[in-house]
C-alpha atoms as a PDB file:
ATOM      1  CA  MET A   1     -24.337 -13.979  10.905  1.00  0.00           C
ATOM      2  CA  ALA A   2     -21.288 -14.123   8.646  1.00  0.00           C
ATOM      3  CA  GLN A   3     -18.959 -11.186   8.629  1.00  0.00           C
ATOM      4  CA  ALA A   4     -18.540  -9.202   5.414  1.00  0.00           C
ATOM      5  CA  VAL A   5     -15.131  -9.103   3.905  1.00  0.00           C
ATOM      6  CA  LEU A   6     -13.547  -6.497   1.598  1.00  0.00           C
ATOM      7  CA  THR A   7     -10.565  -7.733  -0.517  1.00  0.00           C
ATOM      8  CA  VAL A   8      -8.225  -4.846  -1.171  1.00  0.00           C
ATOM      9  CA  VAL A   9      -6.016  -5.452  -4.215  1.00  0.00           C
ATOM     10  CA  PRO A  10      -3.486  -3.362  -6.181  1.00  0.00           C
ATOM     11  CA  GLY A  11      -4.914  -0.841  -8.490  1.00  0.00           C
ATOM     12  CA  LYS A  12      -3.262   2.409  -9.482  1.00  0.00           C
ATOM     13  CA  GLN A  13      -1.146   1.753  -6.405  1.00  0.00           C
ATOM     14  CA  PRO A  14       0.691  -1.625  -6.771  1.00  0.00           C
ATOM     15  CA  ASP A  15       2.459  -1.606  -3.418  1.00  0.00           C
ATOM     16  CA  LEU A  16       0.183  -2.809  -0.612  1.00  0.00           C
ATOM     17  CA  ALA A  17       2.153  -1.127   2.221  1.00  0.00           C
ATOM     18  CA  ASP A  18      -0.332   1.764   2.543  1.00  0.00           C
ATOM     19  CA  ALA A  19      -3.302  -0.665   2.567  1.00  0.00           C
ATOM     20  CA  VAL A  20      -1.703  -2.646   5.277  1.00  0.00           C
ATOM     21  CA  GLY A  21      -1.015   0.461   7.327  1.00  0.00           C
ATOM     22  CA  LEU A  22      -4.627   1.709   6.853  1.00  0.00           C
ATOM     23  CA  ALA A  23      -6.006  -1.643   7.890  1.00  0.00           C
ATOM     24  CA  ALA A  24      -3.860  -1.748  10.993  1.00  0.00           C
ATOM     25  CA  VAL A  25      -5.105   1.723  11.971  1.00  0.00           C
ATOM     26  CA  MET A  26      -8.688   0.726  11.343  1.00  0.00           C
ATOM     27  CA  LYS A  27      -8.264  -2.386  13.524  1.00  0.00           C
ATOM     28  CA  TYR A  28      -6.614  -0.406  16.246  1.00  0.00           C
ATOM     29  CA  LYS A  29      -9.506   2.083  16.245  1.00  0.00           C
ATOM     30  CA  ALA A  30     -12.097  -0.873  16.156  1.00  0.00           C
ATOM     31  CA  ARG A  31     -13.440   0.267  12.846  1.00  0.00           C
ATOM     32  CA  ILE A  32     -12.888  -3.225  11.481  1.00  0.00           C
ATOM     33  CA  TYR A  33     -12.690  -6.628  13.100  1.00  0.00           C
ATOM     34  CA  ASP A  34      -9.330  -7.747  11.576  1.00  0.00           C
ATOM     35  CA  TRP A  35      -7.298  -7.958   8.442  1.00  0.00           C
ATOM     36  CA  ARG A  36      -5.047 -10.590   6.875  1.00  0.00           C
ATOM     37  CA  LEU A  37      -3.217 -11.407   3.631  1.00  0.00           C
ATOM     38  CA  ALA A  38      -5.620 -12.617   1.030  1.00  0.00           C
ATOM     39  CA  GLY A  39      -4.954 -15.770  -0.972  1.00  0.00           C
ATOM     40  CA  SER A  40      -6.577 -15.360  -4.347  1.00  0.00           C
ATOM     41  CA  PRO A  41      -6.623 -12.826  -6.047  1.00  0.00           C
ATOM     42  CA  GLY A  42      -3.943 -11.484  -3.674  1.00  0.00           C
ATOM     43  CA  GLY A  43      -3.966  -8.344  -1.723  1.00  0.00           C
ATOM     44  CA  ILE A  44      -5.424  -8.157   1.857  1.00  0.00           C
ATOM     45  CA  SER A  45      -8.749  -9.262   3.398  1.00  0.00           C
ATOM     46  CA  VAL A  46     -10.397  -6.590   5.534  1.00  0.00           C
ATOM     47  CA  ILE A  47     -12.986  -8.320   7.863  1.00  0.00           C
ATOM     48  CA  LEU A  48     -15.632  -5.942   8.823  1.00  0.00           C
ATOM     49  CA  ASN A  49     -17.308  -5.729  12.338  1.00  0.00           C
ATOM     50  CA  ASP A  50     -20.465  -7.762  12.599  1.00  0.00           C
ATOM     51  CA  ASN A  51     -22.578  -4.653  13.046  1.00  0.00           C
ATOM     52  CA  ALA A  52     -21.082  -2.789  10.118  1.00  0.00           C
ATOM     53  CA  ALA A  53     -23.845  -0.973   8.250  1.00  0.00           C
ATOM     54  CA  SER A  54     -23.849  -0.499   4.492  1.00  0.00           C
ATOM     55  CA  ASN A  55     -22.731   3.105   4.760  1.00  0.00           C
ATOM     56  CA  GLN A  56     -19.738   2.034   6.945  1.00  0.00           C
ATOM     57  CA  ARG A  57     -18.684  -0.665   4.349  1.00  0.00           C
ATOM     58  CA  LEU A  58     -18.886   2.022   1.667  1.00  0.00           C
ATOM     59  CA  GLU A  59     -16.859   4.469   3.809  1.00  0.00           C
ATOM     60  CA  ILE A  60     -14.094   1.919   4.570  1.00  0.00           C
ATOM     61  CA  ALA A  61     -13.934   0.833   0.881  1.00  0.00           C
ATOM     62  CA  GLY A  62     -13.800   4.401  -0.166  1.00  0.00           C
ATOM     63  CA  GLU A  63     -10.711   5.025   2.034  1.00  0.00           C
ATOM     64  CA  PHE A  64      -8.832   2.210   0.345  1.00  0.00           C
ATOM     65  CA  LYS A  65      -9.956   3.328  -3.042  1.00  0.00           C
ATOM     66  CA  ALA A  66      -8.672   6.897  -2.299  1.00  0.00           C
ATOM     67  CA  LEU A  67      -5.247   5.469  -1.783  1.00  0.00           C
ATOM     68  CA  GLY A  68      -5.343   3.866  -5.274  1.00  0.00           C
ATOM     69  CA  TYR A  69      -6.478   0.347  -4.526  1.00  0.00           C
ATOM     70  CA  ASN A  70      -9.349  -1.710  -5.936  1.00  0.00           C
ATOM     71  CA  VAL A  71     -11.849  -3.179  -3.513  1.00  0.00           C
ATOM     72  CA  ILE A  72     -13.911  -6.328  -3.989  1.00  0.00           C
ATOM     73  CA  GLU A  73     -16.693  -6.991  -1.630  1.00  0.00           C
ATOM     74  CA  VAL A  74     -17.125 -10.667  -0.627  1.00  0.00           C
ATOM     75  CA  PRO A  75     -20.498 -11.594   0.946  1.00  0.00           C
END
């Protein structure tokens, strides 16, 4: 099964430092599988755990949105 990916891009918040920090904490706490810099459209790719339920994806996306970023879900 392919892992779902959220692409976090600048929104109201143009600096990605807080997004990188949040992704690092999420990885450390095993809430996500990994993260890396995204190619196009820029930003970071947040790779979700294989077993991430829909509500978990929404919760993770919501945390990035609360910091002022836009989130694009990639199937």
